[in-house]
Amino acid sequence: MEDKELREKWPVIKDKIKELHPDINDDDLHYEFGKESELLLRLQEKLGKTNKEIKDWLSIMG
């Protein structure tokens, strides 16, 4: 998912993540345009997944 596409779909994706993983907080889900890699790293650490797994997961959710 491209950074621009993620930015547009982020509010919906963020809500889905919160439903599936209540242990992930707003700080973990903080996203700034152009800083996709920081978000991915936080999600990788919280979920114990690889970068590719997180990217694939976000694409499916969006």
C-alpha atoms as a PDB file:
ATOM      1  CA  MET A   1       0.000   0.000   0.000  1.00  0.00           C
ATOM      2  CA  GLU A   2       1.416   3.372  -0.990  1.00  0.00           C
ATOM      3  CA  ASP A   3       1.905   6.089   1.610  1.00  0.00           C
ATOM      4  CA  LYS A   4      -0.796   8.287   0.049  1.00  0.00           C
ATOM      5  CA  GLU A   5      -3.265   5.403  -0.071  1.00  0.00           C
ATOM      6  CA  LEU A   6      -2.494   4.524   3.551  1.00  0.00           C
ATOM      7  CA  ARG A   7      -3.078   8.127   4.611  1.00  0.00           C
ATOM      8  CA  GLU A   8      -6.497   8.180   2.918  1.00  0.00           C
ATOM      9  CA  LYS A   9      -7.631   4.867   4.383  1.00  0.00           C
ATOM     10  CA  TRP A  10      -5.908   5.153   7.754  1.00  0.00           C
ATOM     11  CA  PRO A  11      -8.943   6.155   9.897  1.00  0.00           C
ATOM     12  CA  VAL A  12     -10.865   3.031   8.827  1.00  0.00           C
ATOM     13  CA  ILE A  13      -7.830   0.739   9.071  1.00  0.00           C
ATOM     14  CA  LYS A  14      -6.960   2.158  12.501  1.00  0.00           C
ATOM     15  CA  ASP A  15     -10.448   1.363  13.826  1.00  0.00           C
ATOM     16  CA  LYS A  16     -10.225  -2.192  12.486  1.00  0.00           C
ATOM     17  CA  ILE A  17      -6.832  -2.692  14.162  1.00  0.00           C
ATOM     18  CA  LYS A  18      -8.209  -1.437  17.483  1.00  0.00           C
ATOM     19  CA  GLU A  19     -11.103  -3.904  17.262  1.00  0.00           C
ATOM     20  CA  LEU A  20      -8.814  -6.841  16.493  1.00  0.00           C
ATOM     21  CA  HIS A  21      -6.012  -5.869  18.888  1.00  0.00           C
ATOM     22  CA  PRO A  22      -7.304  -3.880  21.885  1.00  0.00           C
ATOM     23  CA  ASP A  23      -3.792  -4.009  23.391  1.00  0.00           C
ATOM     24  CA  ILE A  24      -2.535  -1.683  20.639  1.00  0.00           C
ATOM     25  CA  ASN A  25      -2.996   1.910  21.790  1.00  0.00           C
ATOM     26  CA  ASP A  26      -3.327   5.251  20.000  1.00  0.00           C
ATOM     27  CA  ASP A  27       0.388   5.983  20.392  1.00  0.00           C
ATOM     28  CA  ASP A  28       1.197   2.727  18.582  1.00  0.00           C
ATOM     29  CA  LEU A  29      -1.203   3.694  15.805  1.00  0.00           C
ATOM     30  CA  HIS A  30      -0.014   7.280  15.422  1.00  0.00           C
ATOM     31  CA  TYR A  31       0.637   7.912  11.728  1.00  0.00           C
ATOM     32  CA  GLU A  32       2.209  10.897  10.027  1.00  0.00           C
ATOM     33  CA  PHE A  33       2.312  11.275   6.278  1.00  0.00           C
ATOM     34  CA  GLY A  34       5.765  10.353   5.010  1.00  0.00           C
ATOM     35  CA  LYS A  35       6.607   8.335   8.130  1.00  0.00           C
ATOM     36  CA  GLU A  36       5.032   5.032   7.171  1.00  0.00           C
ATOM     37  CA  SER A  37       8.183   3.144   8.189  1.00  0.00           C
ATOM     38  CA  GLU A  38       7.863   4.317  11.812  1.00  0.00           C
ATOM     39  CA  LEU A  39       4.279   3.073  11.985  1.00  0.00           C
ATOM     40  CA  LEU A  40       5.237  -0.252  10.422  1.00  0.00           C
ATOM     41  CA  LEU A  41       8.066  -0.705  12.907  1.00  0.00           C
ATOM     42  CA  ARG A  42       5.767  -0.082  15.886  1.00  0.00           C
ATOM     43  CA  LEU A  43       3.224  -2.571  14.551  1.00  0.00           C
ATOM     44  CA  GLN A  44       5.955  -5.132  13.870  1.00  0.00           C
ATOM     45  CA  GLU A  45       7.161  -4.856  17.461  1.00  0.00           C
ATOM     46  CA  LYS A  46       3.666  -5.095  18.954  1.00  0.00           C
ATOM     47  CA  LEU A  47       2.448  -7.942  16.757  1.00  0.00           C
ATOM     48  CA  GLY A  48       5.687  -9.890  16.292  1.00  0.00           C
ATOM     49  CA  LYS A  49       5.303  -9.885  12.511  1.00  0.00           C
ATOM     50  CA  THR A  50       7.702  -9.087   9.676  1.00  0.00           C
ATOM     51  CA  ASN A  51       7.568  -5.865   7.702  1.00  0.00           C
ATOM     52  CA  LYS A  52       6.096  -7.728   4.720  1.00  0.00           C
ATOM     53  CA  GLU A  53       3.461  -9.419   6.891  1.00  0.00           C
ATOM     54  CA  ILE A  54       2.380  -6.044   8.304  1.00  0.00           C
ATOM     55  CA  LYS A  55       2.234  -4.440   4.851  1.00  0.00           C
ATOM     56  CA  ASP A  56       0.193  -7.345   3.481  1.00  0.00           C
ATOM     57  CA  TRP A  57      -2.125  -7.220   6.495  1.00  0.00           C
ATOM     58  CA  LEU A  58      -2.706  -3.470   6.099  1.00  0.00           C
ATOM     59  CA  SER A  59      -3.450  -3.934   2.389  1.00  0.00           C
ATOM     60  CA  ILE A  60      -6.051  -6.576   3.174  1.00  0.00           C
ATOM     61  CA  MET A  61      -7.650  -4.368   5.838  1.00  0.00           C
ATOM     62  CA  GLY A  62      -7.785  -1.327   3.577  1.00  0.00           C
END
